[in-house]
N, C-alpha and C. Protein backbone atom coordinates (compact mmCIF):
# COMPACT_ATOMS: atom_id res chain seq x y z
N MET A 1 0.84 -1.17 0.00
CA MET A 1 0.00 0.00 0.00
C MET A 1 0.89 1.24 0.00
N GLU A 2 0.47 2.24 -0.72
CA GLU A 2 1.25 3.46 -0.83
C GLU A 2 1.23 4.26 0.46
N THR A 3 2.31 4.97 0.70
CA THR A 3 2.40 5.77 1.91
C THR A 3 1.37 6.88 1.92
N SER A 4 1.10 7.48 0.78
CA SER A 4 0.13 8.58 0.75
C SER A 4 -1.27 8.09 1.11
N THR A 5 -1.61 6.90 0.71
CA THR A 5 -2.92 6.33 1.06
C THR A 5 -3.02 6.11 2.57
N ILE A 6 -1.97 5.58 3.15
CA ILE A 6 -1.96 5.35 4.59
C ILE A 6 -2.05 6.67 5.34
N LEU A 7 -1.35 7.68 4.86
CA LEU A 7 -1.39 8.99 5.53
C LEU A 7 -2.75 9.65 5.40
N ILE A 8 -3.43 9.45 4.29
CA ILE A 8 -4.78 10.00 4.13
C ILE A 8 -5.74 9.31 5.09
N VAL A 9 -5.64 7.99 5.20
CA VAL A 9 -6.49 7.26 6.14
C VAL A 9 -6.20 7.71 7.57
N ALA A 10 -4.92 7.89 7.91
CA ALA A 10 -4.56 8.34 9.25
C ALA A 10 -5.10 9.74 9.52
N ALA A 11 -5.03 10.61 8.52
CA ALA A 11 -5.56 11.97 8.70
C ALA A 11 -7.07 11.95 8.89
N LEU A 12 -7.75 11.09 8.14
CA LEU A 12 -9.20 10.96 8.32
C LEU A 12 -9.54 10.42 9.71
N LEU A 13 -8.82 9.40 10.15
CA LEU A 13 -9.05 8.85 11.49
C LEU A 13 -8.82 9.91 12.56
N PHE A 14 -7.74 10.66 12.43
CA PHE A 14 -7.45 11.69 13.42
C PHE A 14 -8.52 12.78 13.41
N SER A 15 -8.96 13.17 12.22
CA SER A 15 -9.99 14.21 12.11
C SER A 15 -11.31 13.75 12.71
N ILE A 16 -11.68 12.51 12.46
CA ILE A 16 -12.91 11.97 13.04
C ILE A 16 -12.79 11.91 14.55
N GLY A 17 -11.65 11.45 15.06
CA GLY A 17 -11.44 11.39 16.50
C GLY A 17 -11.48 12.76 17.14
N LEU A 18 -10.86 13.75 16.50
CA LEU A 18 -10.87 15.10 17.03
C LEU A 18 -12.27 15.68 17.04
N ALA A 19 -13.03 15.44 15.96
CA ALA A 19 -14.41 15.92 15.90
C ALA A 19 -15.26 15.29 16.99
N VAL A 20 -15.06 14.01 17.25
CA VAL A 20 -15.81 13.33 18.30
C VAL A 20 -15.47 13.92 19.67
N VAL A 21 -14.20 14.17 19.93
CA VAL A 21 -13.79 14.73 21.22
C VAL A 21 -14.37 16.13 21.42
N VAL A 22 -14.40 16.93 20.37
CA VAL A 22 -14.87 18.31 20.49
C VAL A 22 -16.39 18.38 20.56
N VAL A 23 -17.09 17.55 19.80
CA VAL A 23 -18.54 17.69 19.66
C VAL A 23 -19.31 16.90 20.72
N LYS A 24 -18.94 15.68 20.98
CA LYS A 24 -19.73 14.82 21.85
C LYS A 24 -19.51 15.16 23.31
N ARG A 25 -20.51 14.88 24.13
CA ARG A 25 -20.45 15.17 25.56
C ARG A 25 -20.59 13.91 26.42
N HIS A 26 -20.64 12.76 25.81
CA HIS A 26 -20.71 11.50 26.54
C HIS A 26 -19.28 11.03 26.80
N ALA A 27 -18.97 10.70 28.05
CA ALA A 27 -17.59 10.41 28.43
C ALA A 27 -17.01 9.21 27.67
N ILE A 28 -17.80 8.17 27.50
CA ILE A 28 -17.31 6.97 26.80
C ILE A 28 -17.02 7.28 25.34
N VAL A 29 -17.88 8.06 24.71
CA VAL A 29 -17.68 8.41 23.30
C VAL A 29 -16.44 9.29 23.14
N VAL A 30 -16.20 10.18 24.09
CA VAL A 30 -14.99 11.00 24.05
C VAL A 30 -13.75 10.12 24.15
N LEU A 31 -13.79 9.11 25.01
CA LEU A 31 -12.66 8.18 25.11
C LEU A 31 -12.44 7.43 23.80
N MET A 32 -13.52 7.08 23.13
CA MET A 32 -13.38 6.41 21.83
C MET A 32 -12.73 7.34 20.80
N GLY A 33 -13.04 8.64 20.86
CA GLY A 33 -12.41 9.60 19.97
C GLY A 33 -10.92 9.72 20.23
N VAL A 34 -10.54 9.70 21.51
CA VAL A 34 -9.11 9.74 21.86
C VAL A 34 -8.40 8.49 21.33
N GLU A 35 -9.04 7.35 21.44
CA GLU A 35 -8.44 6.11 20.91
C GLU A 35 -8.28 6.18 19.40
N LEU A 36 -9.24 6.77 18.71
CA LEU A 36 -9.11 6.94 17.26
C LEU A 36 -7.89 7.80 16.92
N MET A 37 -7.69 8.86 17.68
CA MET A 37 -6.53 9.73 17.42
C MET A 37 -5.22 8.99 17.69
N LEU A 38 -5.18 8.17 18.74
CA LEU A 38 -3.96 7.40 19.00
C LEU A 38 -3.70 6.36 17.90
N ASN A 39 -4.75 5.76 17.39
CA ASN A 39 -4.57 4.81 16.29
C ASN A 39 -4.11 5.51 15.01
N ALA A 40 -4.55 6.74 14.79
CA ALA A 40 -4.06 7.51 13.64
C ALA A 40 -2.56 7.78 13.79
N ALA A 41 -2.13 8.09 15.00
CA ALA A 41 -0.69 8.30 15.22
C ALA A 41 0.08 7.00 14.98
N ASN A 42 -0.49 5.88 15.38
CA ASN A 42 0.16 4.59 15.11
C ASN A 42 0.29 4.32 13.62
N LEU A 43 -0.74 4.64 12.86
CA LEU A 43 -0.66 4.46 11.41
C LEU A 43 0.45 5.32 10.81
N ASN A 44 0.59 6.53 11.30
CA ASN A 44 1.68 7.40 10.81
C ASN A 44 3.04 6.81 11.15
N LEU A 45 3.19 6.30 12.36
CA LEU A 45 4.47 5.69 12.75
C LEU A 45 4.81 4.50 11.87
N VAL A 46 3.84 3.66 11.60
CA VAL A 46 4.09 2.49 10.75
C VAL A 46 4.37 2.92 9.31
N ALA A 47 3.64 3.92 8.82
CA ALA A 47 3.84 4.37 7.44
C ALA A 47 5.23 4.96 7.25
N PHE A 48 5.69 5.74 8.22
CA PHE A 48 7.01 6.36 8.08
C PHE A 48 8.14 5.42 8.45
N SER A 49 7.86 4.33 9.15
CA SER A 49 8.93 3.40 9.51
C SER A 49 9.43 2.61 8.31
N GLN A 50 8.67 2.59 7.23
CA GLN A 50 9.15 1.87 6.04
C GLN A 50 10.30 2.60 5.36
N TYR A 51 10.51 3.88 5.69
CA TYR A 51 11.63 4.63 5.14
C TYR A 51 12.86 4.55 6.03
N ASP A 52 12.72 3.98 7.21
CA ASP A 52 13.85 3.82 8.12
C ASP A 52 14.58 2.53 7.74
N PRO A 53 15.90 2.57 7.60
CA PRO A 53 16.62 1.35 7.23
C PRO A 53 16.49 0.26 8.30
N ASP A 54 16.37 0.67 9.54
CA ASP A 54 16.24 -0.29 10.63
C ASP A 54 14.82 -0.83 10.72
N ARG A 55 13.82 0.00 10.48
CA ARG A 55 12.39 -0.30 10.51
C ARG A 55 11.87 -0.72 11.88
N LEU A 56 12.75 -1.02 12.77
CA LEU A 56 12.31 -1.50 14.07
C LEU A 56 11.91 -0.35 14.98
N GLN A 57 12.48 0.83 14.78
CA GLN A 57 12.19 1.96 15.66
C GLN A 57 10.73 2.39 15.57
N GLY A 58 10.19 2.50 14.38
CA GLY A 58 8.79 2.89 14.21
C GLY A 58 7.83 1.86 14.75
N GLN A 59 8.18 0.59 14.57
CA GLN A 59 7.32 -0.47 15.08
C GLN A 59 7.38 -0.55 16.60
N MET A 60 8.55 -0.32 17.18
CA MET A 60 8.66 -0.31 18.64
C MET A 60 7.91 0.89 19.22
N MET A 61 7.98 2.01 18.56
CA MET A 61 7.23 3.18 19.02
C MET A 61 5.72 2.92 18.94
N THR A 62 5.28 2.24 17.89
CA THR A 62 3.87 1.88 17.76
C THR A 62 3.45 0.96 18.89
N LEU A 63 4.28 0.01 19.22
CA LEU A 63 3.98 -0.90 20.34
C LEU A 63 3.89 -0.12 21.65
N PHE A 64 4.78 0.84 21.84
CA PHE A 64 4.76 1.68 23.03
C PHE A 64 3.46 2.49 23.10
N VAL A 65 3.05 3.07 21.97
CA VAL A 65 1.81 3.85 21.94
C VAL A 65 0.61 2.95 22.23
N LEU A 66 0.62 1.72 21.73
CA LEU A 66 -0.47 0.79 22.01
C LEU A 66 -0.56 0.46 23.49
N VAL A 67 0.58 0.27 24.14
CA VAL A 67 0.58 -0.02 25.58
C VAL A 67 0.08 1.18 26.36
N VAL A 68 0.53 2.37 25.99
CA VAL A 68 0.06 3.58 26.67
C VAL A 68 -1.44 3.77 26.45
N ALA A 69 -1.92 3.49 25.24
CA ALA A 69 -3.35 3.63 24.95
C ALA A 69 -4.18 2.65 25.77
N ALA A 70 -3.69 1.44 25.94
CA ALA A 70 -4.41 0.45 26.75
C ALA A 70 -4.45 0.88 28.21
N ALA A 71 -3.34 1.39 28.72
CA ALA A 71 -3.32 1.87 30.10
C ALA A 71 -4.22 3.09 30.26
N GLU A 72 -4.21 3.97 29.29
CA GLU A 72 -5.07 5.16 29.34
C GLU A 72 -6.53 4.76 29.32
N ALA A 73 -6.90 3.79 28.52
CA ALA A 73 -8.29 3.35 28.46
C ALA A 73 -8.72 2.72 29.78
N ALA A 74 -7.86 1.93 30.38
CA ALA A 74 -8.20 1.29 31.65
C ALA A 74 -8.39 2.32 32.76
N VAL A 75 -7.47 3.27 32.86
CA VAL A 75 -7.57 4.30 33.89
C VAL A 75 -8.78 5.21 33.63
N ALA A 76 -8.98 5.59 32.39
CA ALA A 76 -10.10 6.48 32.07
C ALA A 76 -11.44 5.80 32.32
N LEU A 77 -11.56 4.52 32.00
CA LEU A 77 -12.81 3.82 32.27
C LEU A 77 -13.05 3.67 33.76
N ALA A 78 -12.00 3.48 34.54
CA ALA A 78 -12.15 3.41 35.99
C ALA A 78 -12.62 4.76 36.54
N ILE A 79 -12.08 5.85 36.00
CA ILE A 79 -12.50 7.19 36.43
C ILE A 79 -13.95 7.43 36.04
N VAL A 80 -14.33 7.04 34.83
CA VAL A 80 -15.71 7.23 34.38
C VAL A 80 -16.66 6.42 35.27
N LEU A 81 -16.28 5.23 35.65
CA LEU A 81 -17.10 4.41 36.53
C LEU A 81 -17.31 5.08 37.89
N GLN A 82 -16.25 5.64 38.44
CA GLN A 82 -16.37 6.33 39.73
C GLN A 82 -17.21 7.61 39.60
N VAL A 83 -17.06 8.33 38.50
CA VAL A 83 -17.88 9.52 38.27
C VAL A 83 -19.35 9.13 38.15
N TYR A 84 -19.62 8.03 37.47
CA TYR A 84 -21.01 7.57 37.34
C TYR A 84 -21.58 7.17 38.70
N ARG A 85 -20.78 6.51 39.51
CA ARG A 85 -21.26 6.13 40.84
C ARG A 85 -21.59 7.35 41.69
N HIS A 86 -20.83 8.41 41.54
CA HIS A 86 -21.05 9.60 42.35
C HIS A 86 -22.15 10.50 41.80
N PHE A 87 -22.14 10.77 40.50
CA PHE A 87 -23.07 11.72 39.90
C PHE A 87 -24.27 11.07 39.22
N ARG A 88 -24.24 9.76 38.99
CA ARG A 88 -25.29 9.02 38.28
C ARG A 88 -25.47 9.50 36.84
N THR A 89 -24.41 9.97 36.23
CA THR A 89 -24.43 10.36 34.82
C THR A 89 -23.01 10.31 34.27
N VAL A 90 -22.92 10.12 32.95
CA VAL A 90 -21.62 10.19 32.28
C VAL A 90 -21.61 11.31 31.24
N GLN A 91 -22.66 12.14 31.27
CA GLN A 91 -22.69 13.31 30.39
C GLN A 91 -21.77 14.37 30.95
N LEU A 92 -20.79 14.79 30.18
CA LEU A 92 -19.77 15.71 30.68
C LEU A 92 -20.34 17.08 31.01
N ASP A 93 -21.41 17.50 30.34
CA ASP A 93 -22.01 18.80 30.62
C ASP A 93 -22.72 18.83 31.97
N GLU A 94 -23.19 17.69 32.45
CA GLU A 94 -23.94 17.63 33.69
C GLU A 94 -23.06 17.48 34.92
N ILE A 95 -21.80 17.24 34.73
CA ILE A 95 -20.87 17.07 35.85
C ILE A 95 -20.21 18.42 36.10
N ASN A 96 -20.75 19.16 37.07
CA ASN A 96 -20.20 20.49 37.35
C ASN A 96 -19.83 20.67 38.81
N GLU A 97 -19.83 19.60 39.58
CA GLU A 97 -19.51 19.67 40.99
C GLU A 97 -18.16 19.05 41.30
N LEU A 98 -17.22 19.17 40.42
CA LEU A 98 -15.94 18.53 40.61
C LEU A 98 -15.12 19.16 41.72
N ASN A 99 -15.44 20.39 42.14
CA ASN A 99 -14.66 21.03 43.20
C ASN A 99 -15.17 20.66 44.59
N ASN A 100 -16.26 19.93 44.72
CA ASN A 100 -16.77 19.51 46.04
C ASN A 100 -16.18 18.19 46.46
C-alpha cells in the first residue's frame, strides 16, 4: 500500500477522533475519539517506519503507543465508573460539581 494512502487514512481517522472529542459530551464516546486519534498516530508511525533502514524503531514506538493507549483506556474507564457512581451520569455537561 502506498504511503500517501496510509497517511490519508490516518488523517481521516485523526480528524474523526478530534471531531468526536470536540462535539460529543458522553464520556465513553470522548474516550473512543481519543483512541481513534492514538490509532491515527500509530498508522503514521508504521507508514514512516518503512523509510527507516532499521524499521524497528517505528514499530517499537507503535507498540509503546499501544501499551500507553491500553493503560489510558483502563484508567479512564475506571474514572468514568467512579464519576457515574457519584453523579449518576456520564454526560460531561452535567458534571459540574468537581470542586466539592
